[in-house]
PDB file of N, CA and C in Angstrom:
ATOM      1  N   UNK A   1      50.049  10.623  38.365  1.00  0.00           N
ATOM      2  CA  UNK A   1      48.976  11.294  38.448  1.00  0.00           C
ATOM      3  C   UNK A   1      48.629  12.501  37.416  1.00  0.00           C
ATOM      4  N   UNK A   2      49.871  13.209  36.542  1.00  0.00           N
ATOM      5  CA  UNK A   2      49.477  13.932  35.409  1.00  0.00           C
ATOM      6  C   UNK A   2      49.369  12.869  34.185  1.00  0.00           C
ATOM      7  N   UNK A   3      49.797  11.938  33.876  1.00  0.00           N
ATOM      8  CA  UNK A   3      49.536  10.603  32.737  1.00  0.00           C
ATOM      9  C   UNK A   3      48.139  10.424  32.934  1.00  0.00           C
ATOM     10  N   UNK A   4      47.593   9.993  34.352  1.00  0.00           N
ATOM     11  CA  UNK A   4      46.281   9.942  34.360  1.00  0.00           C
ATOM     12  C   UNK A   4      45.494  10.681  33.549  1.00  0.00           C
ATOM     13  N   UNK A   5      45.582  11.942  34.617  1.00  0.00           N
ATOM     14  CA  UNK A   5      44.485  13.089  33.871  1.00  0.00           C
ATOM     15  C   UNK A   5      44.615  12.822  32.287  1.00  0.00           C
ATOM     16  N   UNK A   6      45.932  13.287  31.725  1.00  0.00           N
ATOM     17  CA  UNK A   6      45.508  13.098  30.531  1.00  0.00           C
ATOM     18  C   UNK A   6      45.042  12.016  29.757  1.00  0.00           C
ATOM     19  N   UNK A   7      45.312  10.678  30.157  1.00  0.00           N
ATOM     20  CA  UNK A   7      44.645  10.155  29.389  1.00  0.00           C
ATOM     21  C   UNK A   7      42.899   9.920  29.585  1.00  0.00           C
ATOM     22  N   UNK A   8      42.725  10.377  30.775  1.00  0.00           N
ATOM     23  CA  UNK A   8      41.101  10.655  31.322  1.00  0.00           C
ATOM     24  C   UNK A   8      40.705  11.759  30.010  1.00  0.00           C
ATOM     25  N   UNK A   9      41.477  12.892  30.104  1.00  0.00           N
ATOM     26  CA  UNK A   9      41.343  13.881  28.997  1.00  0.00           C
ATOM     27  C   UNK A   9      40.700  13.653  27.741  1.00  0.00           C
ATOM     28  N   UNK A  10      42.233  13.008  27.583  1.00  0.00           N
ATOM     29  CA  UNK A  10      41.993  12.072  26.340  1.00  0.00           C
ATOM     30  C   UNK A  10      40.611  11.039  25.256  1.00  0.00           C
ATOM     31  N   UNK A  11      40.172  10.542  26.711  1.00  0.00           N
ATOM     32  CA  UNK A  11      39.105   9.632  26.134  1.00  0.00           C
ATOM     33  C   UNK A  11      38.269   9.999  26.181  1.00  0.00           C
ATOM     34  N   UNK A  12      37.887  11.361  27.037  1.00  0.00           N
ATOM     35  CA  UNK A  12      36.403  12.036  26.928  1.00  0.00           C
ATOM     36  C   UNK A  12      36.493  12.922  25.453  1.00  0.00           C
ATOM     37  N   UNK A  13      38.140  13.949  24.804  1.00  0.00           N
ATOM     38  CA  UNK A  13      37.934  14.436  23.748  1.00  0.00           C
ATOM     39  C   UNK A  13      37.627  13.337  22.977  1.00  0.00           C
ATOM     40  N   UNK A  14      38.545  12.324  22.605  1.00  0.00           N
ATOM     41  CA  UNK A  14      37.819  11.125  21.544  1.00  0.00           C
ATOM     42  C   UNK A  14      36.314  10.591  21.685  1.00  0.00           C
ATOM     43  N   UNK A  15      35.406  10.382  22.727  1.00  0.00           N
ATOM     44  CA  UNK A  15      34.350  10.226  22.811  1.00  0.00           C
ATOM     45  C   UNK A  15      33.548  11.809  22.055  1.00  0.00           C
ATOM     46  N   UNK A  16      33.860  12.869  22.489  1.00  0.00           N
ATOM     47  CA  UNK A  16      33.300  13.898  22.254  1.00  0.00           C
ATOM     48  C   UNK A  16      33.419  14.068  20.492  1.00  0.00           C
ATOM     49  N   UNK A  17      34.381  13.867  20.202  1.00  0.00           N
ATOM     50  CA  UNK A  17      34.705  14.154  18.328  1.00  0.00           C
ATOM     51  C   UNK A  17      34.158  12.702  17.956  1.00  0.00           C
ATOM     52  N   UNK A  18      33.831  11.618  18.463  1.00  0.00           N
ATOM     53  CA  UNK A  18      33.561  10.551  17.336  1.00  0.00           C
ATOM     54  C   UNK A  18      32.021  11.283  17.545  1.00  0.00           C
ATOM     55  N   UNK A  19      31.201  11.723  18.782  1.00  0.00           N
ATOM     56  CA  UNK A  19      29.925  11.831  18.775  1.00  0.00           C
ATOM     57  C   UNK A  19      29.642  12.792  17.804  1.00  0.00           C
ATOM     58  N   UNK A  20      30.565  14.122  17.665  1.00  0.00           N
ATOM     59  CA  UNK A  20      30.536  14.972  16.710  1.00  0.00           C
ATOM     60  C   UNK A  20      30.511  14.421  14.902  1.00  0.00           C
ATOM     61  N   UNK A  21      31.339  13.925  14.893  1.00  0.00           N
ATOM     62  CA  UNK A  21      31.890  13.453  13.531  1.00  0.00           C
ATOM     63  C   UNK A  21      30.835  12.362  13.052  1.00  0.00           C
ATOM     64  N   UNK A  22      29.817  11.347  14.669  1.00  0.00           N
ATOM     65  CA  UNK A  22      28.971  10.527  13.483  1.00  0.00           C
ATOM     66  C   UNK A  22      27.353  11.582  13.330  1.00  0.00           C
ATOM     67  N   UNK A  23      27.247  12.438  13.924  1.00  0.00           N
ATOM     68  CA  UNK A  23      26.069  13.380  13.577  1.00  0.00           C
ATOM     69  C   UNK A  23      26.226  14.156  12.320  1.00  0.00           C
ATOM     70  N   UNK A  24      28.082  14.761  11.975  1.00  0.00           N
ATOM     71  CA  UNK A  24      27.984  15.301  10.842  1.00  0.00           C
ATOM     72  C   UNK A  24      27.797  14.236   9.438  1.00  0.00           C
ATOM     73  N   UNK A  25      28.949  12.908   9.432  1.00  0.00           N
ATOM     74  CA  UNK A  25      28.647  12.071   8.272  1.00  0.00           C
ATOM     75  C   UNK A  25      26.461  11.600   8.642  1.00  0.00           C
ATOM     76  N   UNK A  26      26.107  11.767  10.080  1.00  0.00           N
ATOM     77  CA  UNK A  26      24.727  11.378   9.646  1.00  0.00           C
ATOM     78  C   UNK A  26      24.037  12.228   8.679  1.00  0.00           C
ATOM     79  N   UNK A  27      24.081  13.589   9.334  1.00  0.00           N
ATOM     80  CA  UNK A  27      23.229  14.911   8.034  1.00  0.00           C
ATOM     81  C   UNK A  27      23.856  15.345   6.979  1.00  0.00           C
ATOM     82  N   UNK A  28      25.371  14.565   6.563  1.00  0.00           N
ATOM     83  CA  UNK A  28      25.737  14.798   5.318  1.00  0.00           C
ATOM     84  C   UNK A  28      25.641  13.806   4.266  1.00  0.00           C
ATOM     85  N   UNK A  29      25.045  12.637   4.600  1.00  0.00           N
ATOM     86  CA  UNK A  29      24.416  11.468   4.190  1.00  0.00           C
ATOM     87  C   UNK A  29      22.525  12.023   3.780  1.00  0.00           C
ATOM     88  N   UNK A  30      21.567  12.168   4.647  1.00  0.00           N
ATOM     89  CA  UNK A  30      20.263  13.234   4.170  1.00  0.00           C
ATOM     90  C   UNK A  30      21.013  13.998   3.107  1.00  0.00           C
ATOM     91  N   UNK A  31      21.751  15.151   3.987  1.00  0.00           N
ATOM     92  CA  UNK A  31      21.741  16.218   2.239  1.00  0.00           C
ATOM     93  C   UNK A  31      22.553  15.587   1.182  1.00  0.00           C
ATOM     94  N   UNK A  32      23.041  14.688   0.766  1.00  0.00           N
ATOM     95  CA  UNK A  32      23.657  13.923  -0.044  1.00  0.00           C
ATOM     96  C   UNK A  32      22.883  13.157  -0.712  1.00  0.00           C
ATOM     97  N   UNK A  33      21.874  12.351   0.125  1.00  0.00           N
ATOM     98  CA  UNK A  33      20.440  11.306  -0.930  1.00  0.00           C
ATOM     99  C   UNK A  33      19.855  12.613  -1.421  1.00  0.00           C
ATOM    100  N   UNK A  34      19.740  13.956  -0.720  1.00  0.00           N
ATOM    101  CA  UNK A  34      18.847  15.202  -1.489  1.00  0.00           C
ATOM    102  C   UNK A  34      18.915  15.335  -2.215  1.00  0.00           C
ATOM    103  N   UNK A  35      20.723  15.757  -2.715  1.00  0.00           N
ATOM    104  CA  UNK A  35      21.048  16.619  -3.645  1.00  0.00           C
ATOM    105  C   UNK A  35      21.132  15.661  -5.174  1.00  0.00           C
ATOM    106  N   UNK A  36      21.490  14.211  -4.608  1.00  0.00           N
ATOM    107  CA  UNK A  36      21.912  13.241  -5.786  1.00  0.00           C
ATOM    108  C   UNK A  36      20.680  13.200  -6.787  1.00  0.00           C
ATOM    109  N   UNK A  37      20.929  12.940  -7.783  1.00  0.00           N
ATOM    110  CA  UNK A  37      19.365  12.134  -8.443  1.00  0.00           C
ATOM    111  C   UNK A  37      18.972  10.524  -7.879  1.00  0.00           C
ATOM    112  N   UNK A  38      17.689  10.463  -7.617  1.00  0.00           N
ATOM    113  CA  UNK A  38      16.886   9.378  -7.431  1.00  0.00           C
ATOM    114  C   UNK A  38      17.223   8.388  -8.489  1.00  0.00           C
ATOM    115  N   UNK A  39      16.780   7.212  -8.033  1.00  0.00           N
ATOM    116  CA  UNK A  39      16.825   6.307  -9.207  1.00  0.00           C
ATOM    117  C   UNK A  39      15.355   5.991  -9.820  1.00  0.00           C
ATOM    118  N   UNK A  40      15.214   5.645 -10.834  1.00  0.00           N
ATOM    119  CA  UNK A  40      13.849   5.496 -11.330  1.00  0.00           C
ATOM    120  C   UNK A  40      13.136   4.848 -10.256  1.00  0.00           C
ATOM    121  N   UNK A  41      12.985   4.294  -9.641  1.00  0.00           N
ATOM    122  CA  UNK A  41      11.651   3.551  -9.186  1.00  0.00           C
ATOM    123  C   UNK A  41      10.853   4.870  -7.812  1.00  0.00           C
ATOM    124  N   UNK A  42      12.544   4.834  -7.009  1.00  0.00           N
ATOM    125  CA  UNK A  42      12.010   6.027  -6.063  1.00  0.00           C
ATOM    126  C   UNK A  42      10.999   7.281  -6.760  1.00  0.00           C
ATOM    127  N   UNK A  43      11.705   7.638  -7.844  1.00  0.00           N
ATOM    128  CA  UNK A  43      10.922   8.538  -8.583  1.00  0.00           C
ATOM    129  C   UNK A  43      10.268   8.836  -8.617  1.00  0.00           C
ATOM    130  N   UNK A  44       9.815   7.770  -9.878  1.00  0.00           N
ATOM    131  CA  UNK A  44       8.078   7.288  -9.940  1.00  0.00           C
ATOM    132  C   UNK A  44       7.694   7.165  -8.610  1.00  0.00           C
ATOM    133  N   UNK A  45       7.827   6.655  -8.255  1.00  0.00           N
ATOM    134  CA  UNK A  45       6.974   6.573  -6.073  1.00  0.00           C
ATOM    135  C   UNK A  45       6.424   8.057  -5.987  1.00  0.00           C
ATOM    136  N   UNK A  46       7.771   8.933  -5.656  1.00  0.00           N
ATOM    137  CA  UNK A  46       7.781   9.981  -5.408  1.00  0.00           C
ATOM    138  C   UNK A  46       6.680  11.181  -6.025  1.00  0.00           C
ATOM    139  N   UNK A  47       6.687  10.632  -7.216  1.00  0.00           N
ATOM    140  CA  UNK A  47       6.140  11.443  -8.289  1.00  0.00           C
ATOM    141  C   UNK A  47       4.081  11.214  -8.300  1.00  0.00           C
ATOM    142  N   UNK A  48       3.947  10.026  -7.985  1.00  0.00           N
ATOM    143  CA  UNK A  48       3.018   9.467  -7.862  1.00  0.00           C
ATOM    144  C   UNK A  48       2.287  10.171  -6.357  1.00  0.00           C
ATOM    145  N   UNK A  49       3.108   9.937  -5.220  1.00  0.00           N
ATOM    146  CA  UNK A  49       2.764  10.222  -4.491  1.00  0.00           C
ATOM    147  C   UNK A  49       2.326  11.955  -4.007  1.00  0.00           C
ATOM    148  N   UNK A  50       3.329  12.719  -4.756  1.00  0.00           N
ATOM    149  CA  UNK A  50       2.858  14.050  -4.852  1.00  0.00           C
ATOM    150  C   UNK A  50       1.578  14.488  -6.114  1.00  0.00           C
ATOM    151  N   UNK A  51       1.295  13.015  -7.124  1.00  0.00           N
ATOM    152  CA  UNK A  51       0.089  13.874  -7.721  1.00  0.00           C
ATOM    153  C   UNK A  51      -0.847  13.538  -7.186  1.00  0.00           C
ATOM    154  N   UNK A  52      -0.885  12.434  -6.329  1.00  0.00           N
ATOM    155  CA  UNK A  52      -2.370  12.161  -5.126  1.00  0.00           C
ATOM    156  C   UNK A  52      -2.601  13.228  -4.389  1.00  0.00           C
ATOM    157  N   UNK A  53      -1.452  13.191  -4.039  1.00  0.00           N
ATOM    158  CA  UNK A  53      -1.686  15.148  -2.989  1.00  0.00           C
ATOM    159  C   UNK A  53      -2.118  16.129  -3.356  1.00  0.00           C
ATOM    160  N   UNK A  54      -1.984  16.527  -4.703  1.00  0.00           N
ATOM    161  CA  UNK A  54      -2.544  17.516  -5.471  1.00  0.00           C
ATOM    162  C   UNK A  54      -4.064  17.149  -6.002  1.00  0.00           C
ATOM    163  N   UNK A  55      -4.678  15.595  -6.104  1.00  0.00           N
ATOM    164  CA  UNK A  55      -5.632  15.668  -6.658  1.00  0.00           C
ATOM    165  C   UNK A  55      -6.203  15.078  -5.069  1.00  0.00           C
ATOM    166  N   UNK A  56      -6.357  14.947  -3.915  1.00  0.00           N
ATOM    167  CA  UNK A  56      -6.824  14.865  -2.910  1.00  0.00           C
ATOM    168  C   UNK A  56      -7.427  15.919  -2.415  1.00  0.00           C
ATOM    169  N   UNK A  57      -6.116  17.580  -2.441  1.00  0.00           N
ATOM    170  CA  UNK A  57      -6.571  18.426  -2.349  1.00  0.00           C
ATOM    171  C   UNK A  57      -7.812  19.352  -2.933  1.00  0.00           C
ATOM    172  N   UNK A  58      -7.319  18.585  -4.327  1.00  0.00           N
ATOM    173  CA  UNK A  58      -8.292  19.533  -5.378  1.00  0.00           C
ATOM    174  C   UNK A  58      -9.854  18.831  -5.319  1.00  0.00           C
ATOM    175  N   UNK A  59      -9.888  17.954  -4.866  1.00  0.00           N
ATOM    176  CA  UNK A  59     -11.389  16.813  -4.917  1.00  0.00           C
ATOM    177  C   UNK A  59     -11.878  17.182  -3.192  1.00  0.00           C
ATOM    178  N   UNK A  60     -11.246  17.577  -2.368  1.00  0.00           N
ATOM    179  CA  UNK A  60     -11.069  17.779  -0.837  1.00  0.00           C
ATOM    180  C   UNK A  60     -11.719  16.248  -0.249  1.00  0.00           C
ATOM    181  N   UNK A  61     -10.615  15.097  -0.743  1.00  0.00           N
ATOM    182  CA  UNK A  61     -11.195  13.822   0.027  1.00  0.00           C
ATOM    183  C   UNK A  61     -10.414  12.935  -0.621  1.00  0.00           C
ATOM    184  N   UNK A  62     -10.946  11.237  -0.429  1.00  0.00           N
ATOM    185  CA  UNK A  62     -10.467  10.735  -1.256  1.00  0.00           C
ATOM    186  C   UNK A  62     -10.504  10.633  -2.650  1.00  0.00           C
ATOM    187  N   UNK A  63      -9.256  10.399  -3.049  1.00  0.00           N
ATOM    188  CA  UNK A  63      -9.290  10.411  -5.090  1.00  0.00           C
ATOM    189  C   UNK A  63      -9.949   9.162  -5.708  1.00  0.00           C
ATOM    190  N   UNK A  64     -10.252   9.019  -7.097  1.00  0.00           N
ATOM    191  CA  UNK A  64     -11.374   8.532  -7.541  1.00  0.00           C
ATOM    192  C   UNK A  64     -11.778   7.478  -6.694  1.00  0.00           C
ATOM    193  N   UNK A  65     -12.659   8.140  -5.803  1.00  0.00           N
ATOM    194  CA  UNK A  65     -14.097   6.860  -4.890  1.00  0.00           C
ATOM    195  C   UNK A  65     -14.901   7.070  -5.630  1.00  0.00           C
ATOM    196  N   UNK A  66     -15.667   6.053  -5.858  1.00  0.00           N
ATOM    197  CA  UNK A  66     -17.149   6.131  -6.191  1.00  0.00           C
ATOM    198  C   UNK A  66     -18.167   5.957  -5.208  1.00  0.00           C
ATOM    199  N   UNK A  67     -19.477   5.979  -5.773  1.00  0.00           N
ATOM    200  CA  UNK A  67     -20.613   5.975  -5.143  1.00  0.00           C
ATOM    201  C   UNK A  67     -20.653   4.889  -4.066  1.00  0.00           C
ATOM    202  N   UNK A  68     -19.985   3.822  -4.380  1.00  0.00           N
ATOM    203  CA  UNK A  68     -20.074   2.527  -3.122  1.00  0.00           C
ATOM    204  C   UNK A  68     -19.164   2.974  -1.676  1.00  0.00           C
ATOM    205  N   UNK A  69     -18.073   3.807  -2.243  1.00  0.00           N
ATOM    206  CA  UNK A  69     -17.485   4.259  -1.511  1.00  0.00           C
ATOM    207  C   UNK A  69     -17.858   4.984  -0.352  1.00  0.00           C
ATOM    208  N   UNK A  70     -18.511   6.644  -1.045  1.00  0.00           N
ATOM    209  CA  UNK A  70     -19.215   7.058   0.227  1.00  0.00           C
ATOM    210  C   UNK A  70     -20.667   6.479   0.727  1.00  0.00           C
ATOM    211  N   UNK A  71     -20.950   5.180   0.354  1.00  0.00           N
ATOM    212  CA  UNK A  71     -22.038   4.859   0.695  1.00  0.00           C
ATOM    213  C   UNK A  71     -21.893   4.024   2.005  1.00  0.00           C
ATOM    214  N   UNK A  72     -20.654   2.852   1.797  1.00  0.00           N
ATOM    215  CA  UNK A  72     -19.696   2.571   2.742  1.00  0.00           C
ATOM    216  C   UNK A  72     -19.801   3.471   4.153  1.00  0.00           C
ATOM    217  N   UNK A  73     -18.701   4.473   3.515  1.00  0.00           N
ATOM    218  CA  UNK A  73     -18.611   5.447   4.826  1.00  0.00           C
ATOM    219  C   UNK A  73     -19.537   5.989   5.501  1.00  0.00           C
ATOM    220  N   UNK A  74     -20.751   6.421   4.725  1.00  0.00           N
ATOM    221  CA  UNK A  74     -22.187   6.656   5.507  1.00  0.00           C
ATOM    222  C   UNK A  74     -22.562   5.705   6.743  1.00  0.00           C
ATOM    223  N   UNK A  75     -22.477   4.442   5.909  1.00  0.00           N
ATOM    224  CA  UNK A  75     -22.701   3.231   6.747  1.00  0.00           C
ATOM    225  C   UNK A  75     -22.323   2.861   8.058  1.00  0.00           C
ATOM    226  N   UNK A  76     -20.747   2.955   7.618  1.00  0.00           N
ATOM    227  CA  UNK A  76     -19.877   2.453   8.769  1.00  0.00           C
ATOM    228  C   UNK A  76     -20.069   4.110   9.866  1.00  0.00           C
ATOM    229  N   UNK A  77     -20.130   5.355   9.317  1.00  0.00           N
ATOM    230  CA  UNK A  77     -20.101   6.298  10.764  1.00  0.00           C
ATOM    231  C   UNK A  77     -21.936   6.006  11.072  1.00  0.00           C
ATOM    232  N   UNK A  78     -22.747   5.777  10.688  1.00  0.00           N
ATOM    233  CA  UNK A  78     -23.923   5.646  11.363  1.00  0.00           C
ATOM    234  C   UNK A  78     -24.203   4.529  12.003  1.00  0.00           C
ATOM    235  N   UNK A  79     -23.054   3.504  11.595  1.00  0.00           N
ATOM    236  CA  UNK A  79     -23.008   2.380  12.933  1.00  0.00           C
ATOM    237  C   UNK A  79     -22.431   2.643  14.034  1.00  0.00           C
ATOM    238  N   UNK A  80     -21.126   3.674  13.797  1.00  0.00           N
ATOM    239  CA  UNK A  80     -20.429   4.123  14.996  1.00  0.00           C
ATOM    240  C   UNK A  80     -21.246   5.057  15.773  1.00  0.00           C
ATOM    241  N   UNK A  81     -21.723   6.109  15.142  1.00  0.00           N
ATOM    242  CA  UNK A  81     -22.893   6.834  15.666  1.00  0.00           C
ATOM    243  C   UNK A  81     -24.023   6.233  16.621  1.00  0.00           C
ATOM    244  N   UNK A  82     -24.609   4.908  16.099  1.00  0.00           N
ATOM    245  CA  UNK A  82     -25.223   4.141  16.676  1.00  0.00           C
ATOM    246  C   UNK A  82     -24.794   3.417  18.440  1.00  0.00           C
ATOM    247  N   UNK A  83     -23.649   3.070  18.512  1.00  0.00           N
ATOM    248  CA  UNK A  83     -22.746   2.349  18.945  1.00  0.00           C
ATOM    249  C   UNK A  83     -22.069   3.240  20.012  1.00  0.00           C
ATOM    250  N   UNK A  84     -21.678   4.701  19.472  1.00  0.00           N
ATOM    251  CA  UNK A  84     -20.739   5.389  20.296  1.00  0.00           C
ATOM    252  C   UNK A  84     -21.758   7.008  20.925  1.00  0.00           C
ATOM    253  N   UNK A  85     -22.871   7.033  20.173  1.00  0.00           N
ATOM    254  CA  UNK A  85     -23.099   8.076  21.044  1.00  0.00           C
ATOM    255  C   UNK A  85     -23.448   9.191  19.230  1.00  0.00           C
ATOM    256  N   UNK A  86     -23.831  10.301  19.674  1.00  0.00           N
ATOM    257  CA  UNK A  86     -24.493  11.367  18.932  1.00  0.00           C
ATOM    258  C   UNK A  86     -22.719  12.430  19.012  1.00  0.00           C
ATOM    259  N   UNK A  87     -22.722  12.765  17.896  1.00  0.00           N
ATOM    260  CA  UNK A  87     -21.165  14.078  17.730  1.00  0.00           C
ATOM    261  C   UNK A  87     -20.847  13.425  16.345  1.00  0.00           C
ATOM    262  N   UNK A  88     -19.972  14.283  15.892  1.00  0.00           N
ATOM    263  CA  UNK A  88     -19.539  14.630  14.475  1.00  0.00           C
ATOM    264  C   UNK A  88     -18.118  13.615  14.830  1.00  0.00           C
ATOM    265  N   UNK A  89     -18.253  12.472  14.138  1.00  0.00           N
ATOM    266  CA  UNK A  89     -17.197  11.252  14.210  1.00  0.00           C
ATOM    267  C   UNK A  89     -16.254  11.270  13.028  1.00  0.00           C
ATOM    268  N   UNK A  90     -16.356  12.443  12.281  1.00  0.00           N
ATOM    269  CA  UNK A  90     -15.136  12.648  10.947  1.00  0.00           C
ATOM    270  C   UNK A  90     -14.020  13.864  11.611  1.00  0.00           C
ATOM    271  N   UNK A  91     -14.429  14.040  13.152  1.00  0.00           N
ATOM    272  CA  UNK A  91     -13.518  15.220  13.809  1.00  0.00           C
ATOM    273  C   UNK A  91     -12.498  14.363  15.014  1.00  0.00           C
ATOM    274  N   UNK A  92     -11.868  14.876  15.173  1.00  0.00           N
ATOM    275  CA  UNK A  92     -10.834  14.542  16.669  1.00  0.00           C
ATOM    276  C   UNK A  92     -11.777  15.477  17.470  1.00  0.00           C
ATOM    277  N   UNK A  93     -12.070  14.381  18.658  1.00  0.00           N
ATOM    278  CA  UNK A  93     -12.558  14.587  20.002  1.00  0.00           C
ATOM    279  C   UNK A  93     -11.698  15.900  20.484  1.00  0.00           C
ATOM    280  N   UNK A  94     -12.436  16.591  21.010  1.00  0.00           N
ATOM    281  CA  UNK A  94     -11.732  17.396  22.453  1.00  0.00           C
ATOM    282  C   UNK A  94     -12.392  17.422  23.574  1.00  0.00           C
ATOM    283  N   UNK A  95     -11.173  17.189  24.485  1.00  0.00           N
ATOM    284  CA  UNK A  95     -10.869  16.954  25.708  1.00  0.00           C
ATOM    285  C   UNK A  95     -10.961  18.122  26.607  1.00  0.00           C
ATOM    286  N   UNK A  96     -11.370  17.976  27.939  1.00  0.00           N
ATOM    287  CA  UNK A  96     -11.626  18.980  28.664  1.00  0.00           C
ATOM    288  C   UNK A  96     -11.320  18.783  29.833  1.00  0.00           C
ATOM    289  N   UNK A  97     -10.520  18.584  30.297  1.00  0.00           N
ATOM    290  CA  UNK A  97      -9.853  18.400  31.963  1.00  0.00           C
ATOM    291  C   UNK A  97      -9.645  19.084  32.961  1.00  0.00           C
ATOM    292  N   UNK A  98     -11.156  19.302  33.806  1.00  0.00           N
ATOM    293  CA  UNK A  98     -10.920  20.573  34.905  1.00  0.00           C
ATOM    294  C   UNK A  98     -10.201  19.840  36.326  1.00  0.00           C
ATOM    295  N   UNK A  99      -9.512  21.020  36.894  1.00  0.00           N
ATOM    296  CA  UNK A  99      -8.688  20.553  37.830  1.00  0.00           C
ATOM    297  C   UNK A  99      -9.515  19.718  38.868  1.00  0.00           C
ATOM    298  N   UNK A 100      -8.559  19.409  39.835  1.00  0.00           N
ATOM    299  CA  UNK A 100      -9.475  18.776  40.708  1.00  0.00           C
ATOM    300  C   UNK A 100      -9.610  19.813  42.176  1.00  0.00           C
ATOM    301  N   UNK A 101     -10.898  19.310  42.846  1.00  0.00           N
ATOM    302  CA  UNK A 101     -11.102  20.540  43.791  1.00  0.00           C
ATOM    303  C   UNK A 101     -10.715  19.922  44.815  1.00  0.00           C
ATOM    304  N   UNK A 102      -9.284  20.414  45.693  1.00  0.00           N
ATOM    305  CA  UNK A 102      -9.073  19.900  46.513  1.00  0.00           C
ATOM    306  C   UNK A 102      -9.853  20.661  48.217  1.00  0.00           C
ATOM    307  N   UNK A 103      -9.766  19.630  49.079  1.00  0.00           N
ATOM    308  CA  UNK A 103     -10.551  20.735  50.234  1.00  0.00           C
ATOM    309  C   UNK A 103      -9.434  20.298  51.091  1.00  0.00           C
ATOM    310  N   UNK A 104      -8.918  21.535  52.117  1.00  0.00           N
ATOM    311  CA  UNK A 104      -8.194  21.490  52.944  1.00  0.00           C
ATOM    312  C   UNK A 104      -8.891  20.728  53.960  1.00  0.00           C
ATOM    313  N   UNK A 105      -8.383  19.716  54.803  1.00  0.00           N
ATOM    314  CA  UNK A 105      -8.920  19.265  55.895  1.00  0.00           C
ATOM    315  C   UNK A 105      -8.153  19.756  57.644  1.00  0.00           C
ATOM    316  N   UNK A 106      -8.691  20.237  58.629  1.00  0.00           N
ATOM    317  CA  UNK A 106      -8.180  20.772  59.734  1.00  0.00           C
ATOM    318  C   UNK A 106      -7.234  19.602  60.393  1.00  0.00           C
ATOM    319  N   UNK A 107      -6.119  20.089  60.778  1.00  0.00           N
ATOM    320  CA  UNK A 107      -5.211  18.962  61.370  1.00  0.00           C
ATOM    321  C   UNK A 107      -5.411  18.852  62.852  1.00  0.00           C
TER     322      UNK A 107
END
C-alpha cells in the first residue's frame, strides 16, 4: 500500500516536472531567438516591415497609393453605402444591446 502511494506520487511529480521543463524550454527558445542574430533574409524582411510601418504612420494611410487607389476606394465605399445604407463605413460599427424586459406572470 505504501509502495502504491509512492509510485502514484512519483508519477504525479514526474508529470508536473515535465510540464514545467517543457514550459521553460519553450520560453528559453523564444528568448534565445530574440537575442541571437537573425539570418539576412529575416533581417531584411523585418527591416522592410518596420520601414513600411513608419511610412504608413507618416502618410496616415496606405504607402505609395496613387490616385487610382483612392478612386477605387471611393467607388467601393459608395457602392457599399448604396447597398447597406448610410453611415461611416471606414469605422467599426458600435453595437448597443438593450436588456430584455421580462414580465412576471402571476401563478
